[in-house]
């Protein structure tokens, strides 16, 4: 969980979830800015990366996901107090 963070980079990491692991997003980003994920391999059965509200300047490049839902942006609209999302690359 990346929450309330500024200027963080995930570079060349590998995350492997066992086959019997629960369906849990592996990297979840919310209320953060200047987050970079690059050259990373994430093996999971749910979202490799999920992006919630209140984020800006998120860059994701050269990320391998699978088997999974991939990279998810959103699940927004449930609450009236959600913050905007900007600059997702």
C-alpha atoms as a PDB file:
ATOM      1  CA  UNK A   1       0.000   0.000   0.000  1.00  0.00           C
ATOM      2  CA  UNK A   2       1.366   3.353  -1.061  1.00  0.00           C
ATOM      3  CA  UNK A   3      -0.715   5.976   0.750  1.00  0.00           C
ATOM      4  CA  UNK A   4       0.125   9.597   1.524  1.00  0.00           C
ATOM      5  CA  UNK A   5       3.503   9.256  -0.164  1.00  0.00           C
ATOM      6  CA  UNK A   6       5.457  11.643  -2.343  1.00  0.00           C
ATOM      7  CA  UNK A   7       8.409  10.845  -4.643  1.00  0.00           C
ATOM      8  CA  UNK A   8       8.695   7.067  -4.435  1.00  0.00           C
ATOM      9  CA  UNK A   9      10.064   4.689  -7.085  1.00  0.00           C
ATOM     10  CA  UNK A  10       9.686   0.928  -7.417  1.00  0.00           C
ATOM     11  CA  UNK A  11      12.491  -0.221  -9.733  1.00  0.00           C
ATOM     12  CA  UNK A  12      13.381  -3.769 -10.788  1.00  0.00           C
ATOM     13  CA  UNK A  13      11.345  -5.540  -8.128  1.00  0.00           C
ATOM     14  CA  UNK A  14       9.632  -8.894  -8.366  1.00  0.00           C
ATOM     15  CA  UNK A  15       6.479  -9.762  -6.436  1.00  0.00           C
ATOM     16  CA  UNK A  16       5.232 -13.352  -6.553  1.00  0.00           C
ATOM     17  CA  UNK A  17       2.001 -14.382  -4.872  1.00  0.00           C
ATOM     18  CA  UNK A  18       1.528 -18.100  -4.136  1.00  0.00           C
ATOM     19  CA  UNK A  19      -1.276 -19.825  -6.039  1.00  0.00           C
ATOM     20  CA  UNK A  20      -3.332 -20.186  -2.843  1.00  0.00           C
ATOM     21  CA  UNK A  21      -2.971 -16.534  -1.813  1.00  0.00           C
ATOM     22  CA  UNK A  22      -6.114 -14.410  -1.444  1.00  0.00           C
ATOM     23  CA  UNK A  23      -7.185 -12.051  -4.198  1.00  0.00           C
ATOM     24  CA  UNK A  24      -5.341  -8.956  -3.017  1.00  0.00           C
ATOM     25  CA  UNK A  25      -3.943  -6.078  -5.075  1.00  0.00           C
ATOM     26  CA  UNK A  26      -0.159  -6.216  -4.858  1.00  0.00           C
ATOM     27  CA  UNK A  27       0.648  -2.496  -5.176  1.00  0.00           C
ATOM     28  CA  UNK A  28      -2.198  -0.112  -4.306  1.00  0.00           C
ATOM     29  CA  UNK A  29      -1.640   3.642  -4.686  1.00  0.00           C
ATOM     30  CA  UNK A  30      -3.847   6.327  -3.127  1.00  0.00           C
ATOM     31  CA  UNK A  31      -3.497   9.935  -1.918  1.00  0.00           C
ATOM     32  CA  UNK A  32       0.059  10.085  -3.305  1.00  0.00           C
ATOM     33  CA  UNK A  33       2.089  11.984  -5.892  1.00  0.00           C
ATOM     34  CA  UNK A  34       5.187  11.375  -7.998  1.00  0.00           C
ATOM     35  CA  UNK A  35       4.986   7.566  -7.880  1.00  0.00           C
ATOM     36  CA  UNK A  36       7.010   5.586 -10.442  1.00  0.00           C
ATOM     37  CA  UNK A  37       6.897   1.841 -11.087  1.00  0.00           C
ATOM     38  CA  UNK A  38       9.433   0.648 -13.674  1.00  0.00           C
ATOM     39  CA  UNK A  39      11.041  -2.624 -14.833  1.00  0.00           C
ATOM     40  CA  UNK A  40       8.959  -4.653 -12.415  1.00  0.00           C
ATOM     41  CA  UNK A  41       7.427  -8.148 -12.536  1.00  0.00           C
ATOM     42  CA  UNK A  42       4.281  -8.860 -10.521  1.00  0.00           C
ATOM     43  CA  UNK A  43       2.749 -12.347 -10.480  1.00  0.00           C
ATOM     44  CA  UNK A  44      -0.633 -12.358  -8.766  1.00  0.00           C
ATOM     45  CA  UNK A  45      -4.242 -13.410  -9.316  1.00  0.00           C
ATOM     46  CA  UNK A  46      -5.693  -9.944  -8.667  1.00  0.00           C
ATOM     47  CA  UNK A  47      -4.618  -6.432  -9.698  1.00  0.00           C
ATOM     48  CA  UNK A  48      -0.873  -6.049 -10.124  1.00  0.00           C
ATOM     49  CA  UNK A  49      -1.234  -2.316  -9.545  1.00  0.00           C
ATOM     50  CA  UNK A  50      -4.425  -0.564  -8.460  1.00  0.00           C
ATOM     51  CA  UNK A  51      -4.798   3.197  -8.424  1.00  0.00           C
ATOM     52  CA  UNK A  52      -7.312   4.929  -6.171  1.00  0.00           C
ATOM     53  CA  UNK A  53      -8.321   8.529  -5.639  1.00  0.00           C
ATOM     54  CA  UNK A  54      -6.127  11.456  -4.717  1.00  0.00           C
ATOM     55  CA  UNK A  55      -3.177  10.574  -6.918  1.00  0.00           C
ATOM     56  CA  UNK A  56      -1.141  12.592  -9.377  1.00  0.00           C
ATOM     57  CA  UNK A  57       1.995  12.073 -11.414  1.00  0.00           C
ATOM     58  CA  UNK A  58       1.959   8.278 -11.495  1.00  0.00           C
ATOM     59  CA  UNK A  59       4.193   6.670 -14.128  1.00  0.00           C
ATOM     60  CA  UNK A  60       4.135   2.939 -14.861  1.00  0.00           C
ATOM     61  CA  UNK A  61       6.531   1.559 -17.502  1.00  0.00           C
ATOM     62  CA  UNK A  62       7.939  -1.844 -18.385  1.00  0.00           C
ATOM     63  CA  UNK A  63       5.770  -3.722 -15.888  1.00  0.00           C
ATOM     64  CA  UNK A  64       4.920  -7.379 -16.490  1.00  0.00           C
ATOM     65  CA  UNK A  65       1.701  -8.626 -14.860  1.00  0.00           C
ATOM     66  CA  UNK A  66       0.116 -12.021 -14.808  1.00  0.00           C
ATOM     67  CA  UNK A  67      -1.925 -13.968 -14.443  1.00  0.00           C
ATOM     68  CA  UNK A  68      -4.034 -11.115 -13.188  1.00  0.00           C
ATOM     69  CA  UNK A  69      -6.412  -8.275 -13.902  1.00  0.00           C
ATOM     70  CA  UNK A  70      -3.400  -6.102 -14.728  1.00  0.00           C
ATOM     71  CA  UNK A  71      -3.340  -2.428 -13.850  1.00  0.00           C
ATOM     72  CA  UNK A  72      -6.646  -0.998 -12.587  1.00  0.00           C
ATOM     73  CA  UNK A  73      -7.558   2.643 -12.309  1.00  0.00           C
ATOM     74  CA  UNK A  74     -10.601   3.611 -10.370  1.00  0.00           C
ATOM     75  CA  UNK A  75     -13.299   1.999  -8.290  1.00  0.00           C
ATOM     76  CA  UNK A  76     -14.415   5.581  -7.933  1.00  0.00           C
ATOM     77  CA  UNK A  77     -17.828   7.062  -7.303  1.00  0.00           C
ATOM     78  CA  UNK A  78     -18.743   5.273  -4.101  1.00  0.00           C
ATOM     79  CA  UNK A  79     -18.046   8.258  -1.841  1.00  0.00           C
ATOM     80  CA  UNK A  80     -18.659  11.979  -2.327  1.00  0.00           C
ATOM     81  CA  UNK A  81     -15.336  12.906  -0.720  1.00  0.00           C
ATOM     82  CA  UNK A  82     -13.068  11.228  -3.292  1.00  0.00           C
ATOM     83  CA  UNK A  83     -10.162  13.306  -4.534  1.00  0.00           C
ATOM     84  CA  UNK A  84      -9.307  13.785  -8.227  1.00  0.00           C
ATOM     85  CA  UNK A  85      -6.799  11.707 -10.189  1.00  0.00           C
ATOM     86  CA  UNK A  86      -4.308  13.494 -12.464  1.00  0.00           C
ATOM     87  CA  UNK A  87      -1.310  12.729 -14.699  1.00  0.00           C
ATOM     88  CA  UNK A  88      -1.374   8.955 -14.931  1.00  0.00           C
ATOM     89  CA  UNK A  89       1.167   7.806 -17.515  1.00  0.00           C
END
